Amino acid sequence: MRVVLQRVSEGAVTVNGSEVARIGRGYVILLGVKTGDGPEDVAFLADKCANLRIFEDEQGKMNLGIRDVGGEAIVVSQFTLYADARKGNRPAFSLAAPGTVAEPLYEQFVARLRAALGEQTVRTGVFGAMMKVHIVNDGPVTVMIESPSHTAERAEP
């Protein structure tokens, strides 16, 4: 499982011309689910996102978390995070979990993040929909995080 987390001053998601989510300061979290992911991946990434300290304190150091600054989050499903473009010019998406597998894990991620940050603090896009995502990246600060089972696959012996 993989997230691309962007610290934003504002974010929004529109589906079919209708806004479905809007936040001020916080995170836009793009979430990709890989074949083989499970509840342990959900727990690791949701907890990591909830506790990540990437907001500046009074000394200008990234030392504050989203709760410390009263921030909000939008979670957007994005299977293209598992695009493989090593061969040719058209990416393959065979590493991405199919929707029937990915959607329940996406929902578990959202539920765990809401439990950590508050029900009203976490909004979502629409799973599987074509979305317009408005991101005003603050910094810019963008962090990619993968669940340990996938980072171990790439670790050198």
Protein backbone atom coordinates (compact mmCIF):
# COMPACT_ATOMS: atom_id res chain seq x y z
CA MET A 1 0.00 0.00 0.00
CA ARG A 2 1.30 3.44 -0.89
CA VAL A 3 0.32 7.00 -0.10
CA VAL A 4 1.43 10.26 -1.57
CA LEU A 5 0.63 12.80 1.12
CA GLN A 6 0.66 16.49 0.31
CA ARG A 7 0.56 19.21 2.92
CA VAL A 8 -1.96 21.72 1.62
CA SER A 9 -3.35 25.12 2.43
CA GLU A 10 -6.55 23.95 0.74
CA GLY A 11 -7.87 21.02 -1.24
CA ALA A 12 -11.08 19.92 -2.94
CA VAL A 13 -12.49 17.06 -5.00
CA THR A 14 -15.10 17.40 -7.74
CA VAL A 15 -16.95 14.52 -9.42
CA ASN A 16 -19.14 15.16 -12.48
CA GLY A 17 -19.02 18.90 -11.84
CA SER A 18 -20.15 18.62 -8.20
CA GLU A 19 -17.84 19.27 -5.29
CA VAL A 20 -17.79 16.24 -2.97
CA ALA A 21 -15.08 17.34 -0.52
CA ARG A 22 -13.29 20.51 0.54
CA ILE A 23 -10.72 21.24 3.23
CA GLY A 24 -8.55 24.08 4.39
CA ARG A 25 -5.13 23.45 5.95
CA GLY A 26 -4.17 19.80 6.16
CA TYR A 27 -3.44 16.86 3.89
CA VAL A 28 -4.55 15.55 0.56
CA ILE A 29 -3.74 11.85 0.71
CA LEU A 30 -3.57 9.89 -2.54
CA LEU A 31 -3.93 6.19 -1.67
CA GLY A 32 -2.90 3.27 -3.86
CA VAL A 33 -3.65 -0.35 -2.99
CA LYS A 34 -1.42 -3.11 -4.34
CA THR A 35 -2.34 -6.74 -4.88
CA GLY A 36 -1.50 -8.58 -1.66
CA ASP A 37 -2.20 -5.65 0.68
CA GLY A 38 -4.17 -6.33 3.83
CA PRO A 39 -5.29 -4.89 7.17
CA GLU A 40 -1.73 -4.60 8.50
CA ASP A 41 -0.88 -2.26 5.60
CA VAL A 42 -4.00 -0.19 6.33
CA ALA A 43 -3.09 0.12 10.02
CA PHE A 44 0.52 1.09 9.34
CA LEU A 45 -0.27 3.77 6.75
CA ALA A 46 -3.31 5.28 8.47
CA ASP A 47 -1.40 5.56 11.75
CA LYS A 48 1.64 7.00 9.99
CA CYS A 49 -0.49 9.64 8.24
CA ALA A 50 -2.29 10.55 11.47
CA ASN A 51 0.97 10.99 13.38
CA LEU A 52 3.28 12.45 10.73
CA ARG A 53 4.87 15.72 11.86
CA ILE A 54 5.29 17.93 8.80
CA PHE A 55 3.89 21.28 9.98
CA GLU A 56 6.28 23.94 11.25
CA ASP A 57 6.51 24.88 14.91
CA GLU A 58 7.43 28.37 16.22
CA GLN A 59 11.08 27.75 15.28
CA GLY A 60 10.20 26.81 11.72
CA LYS A 61 10.99 23.11 12.20
CA MET A 62 8.64 20.39 10.95
CA ASN A 63 7.63 19.28 14.41
CA LEU A 64 3.82 19.49 14.47
CA GLY A 65 1.21 16.98 13.36
CA ILE A 66 -2.15 17.52 11.72
CA ARG A 67 -3.96 17.40 15.09
CA ASP A 68 -1.61 20.05 16.51
CA VAL A 69 -2.62 22.53 13.80
CA GLY A 70 -6.32 21.65 13.68
CA GLY A 71 -5.93 20.34 10.14
CA GLU A 72 -8.22 18.30 7.93
CA ALA A 73 -7.64 15.58 5.35
CA ILE A 74 -9.05 14.36 2.06
CA VAL A 75 -8.35 10.75 1.03
CA VAL A 76 -8.47 10.02 -2.70
CA SER A 77 -8.20 6.51 -4.15
CA GLN A 78 -5.58 6.39 -6.88
CA PHE A 79 -4.71 3.07 -8.49
CA THR A 80 -2.27 4.84 -10.80
CA LEU A 81 0.21 5.06 -7.92
CA TYR A 82 1.08 1.50 -8.94
CA ALA A 83 1.70 2.32 -12.60
CA ASP A 84 4.68 0.52 -14.07
CA ALA A 85 6.16 2.56 -16.90
CA ARG A 86 9.53 0.85 -17.16
CA LYS A 87 8.71 -0.71 -20.53
CA GLY A 88 7.25 1.20 -23.44
CA ASN A 89 5.27 4.40 -23.12
CA ARG A 90 1.94 3.06 -21.88
CA PRO A 91 1.97 2.26 -18.15
CA ALA A 92 0.82 -1.15 -16.93
CA PHE A 93 -1.36 -1.33 -13.84
CA SER A 94 -1.06 -5.05 -13.06
CA LEU A 95 0.41 -4.33 -9.61
CA ALA A 96 -2.69 -2.39 -8.52
CA ALA A 97 -5.31 -4.39 -6.65
CA PRO A 98 -8.65 -4.76 -8.46
CA GLY A 99 -11.45 -2.53 -7.21
CA THR A 100 -13.22 -5.38 -5.41
CA VAL A 101 -10.11 -5.85 -3.26
CA ALA A 102 -8.96 -2.23 -3.08
CA GLU A 103 -12.25 -0.58 -2.09
CA PRO A 104 -12.70 -2.38 1.25
CA LEU A 105 -9.08 -1.59 2.17
CA TYR A 106 -9.58 2.03 1.14
CA GLU A 107 -12.69 2.18 3.36
CA GLN A 108 -10.73 0.63 6.26
CA PHE A 109 -8.00 3.23 5.80
CA VAL A 110 -10.55 6.06 5.88
CA ALA A 111 -12.25 4.59 8.97
CA ARG A 112 -8.96 4.23 10.85
CA LEU A 113 -7.87 7.75 9.90
CA ARG A 114 -11.26 9.10 11.06
CA ALA A 115 -10.90 7.24 14.35
CA ALA A 116 -7.52 8.91 14.86
CA LEU A 117 -8.32 12.42 13.64
CA GLY A 118 -12.08 12.77 14.09
CA GLU A 119 -15.04 11.84 11.94
CA GLN A 120 -15.64 15.38 10.64
CA THR A 121 -11.96 16.01 9.93
CA VAL A 122 -11.48 13.37 7.21
CA ARG A 123 -13.29 13.66 3.88
CA THR A 124 -13.03 11.54 0.77
CA GLY A 125 -13.28 11.51 -2.95
CA VAL A 126 -15.43 8.85 -4.63
CA PHE A 127 -13.78 5.46 -5.02
CA GLY A 128 -13.29 4.53 -8.67
CA ALA A 129 -14.72 7.79 -10.02
CA MET A 130 -13.05 10.17 -12.45
CA MET A 131 -12.21 13.06 -10.12
CA LYS A 132 -10.84 16.56 -10.40
CA VAL A 133 -8.55 17.07 -7.42
CA HIS A 134 -7.69 20.64 -6.47
CA ILE A 135 -4.48 20.75 -4.44
CA VAL A 136 -2.78 23.89 -3.20
CA ASN A 137 0.46 22.34 -1.97
CA ASP A 138 1.88 24.20 1.03
CA GLY A 139 5.65 24.40 1.00
CA PRO A 140 5.58 22.43 -1.24
CA VAL A 141 5.69 19.43 1.09
CA THR A 142 5.00 16.03 -0.47
CA VAL A 143 5.80 12.74 1.26
CA MET A 144 5.51 9.24 -0.18
CA ILE A 145 5.03 6.41 2.32
CA GLU A 146 4.77 2.69 1.65
CA SER A 147 3.71 -0.04 4.00
CA PRO A 148 6.65 -2.09 5.31
CA SER A 149 5.73 -5.24 3.38
CA HIS A 150 6.41 -3.38 0.14
CA THR A 151 9.54 -1.57 1.23
CA ALA A 152 10.97 -4.95 2.28
CA GLU A 153 10.44 -6.22 -1.26
CA ARG A 154 12.84 -3.57 -2.56
CA ALA A 155 15.39 -3.74 0.26
CA GLU A 156 18.87 -4.78 -0.72
CA PRO A 157 20.22 -8.07 0.72
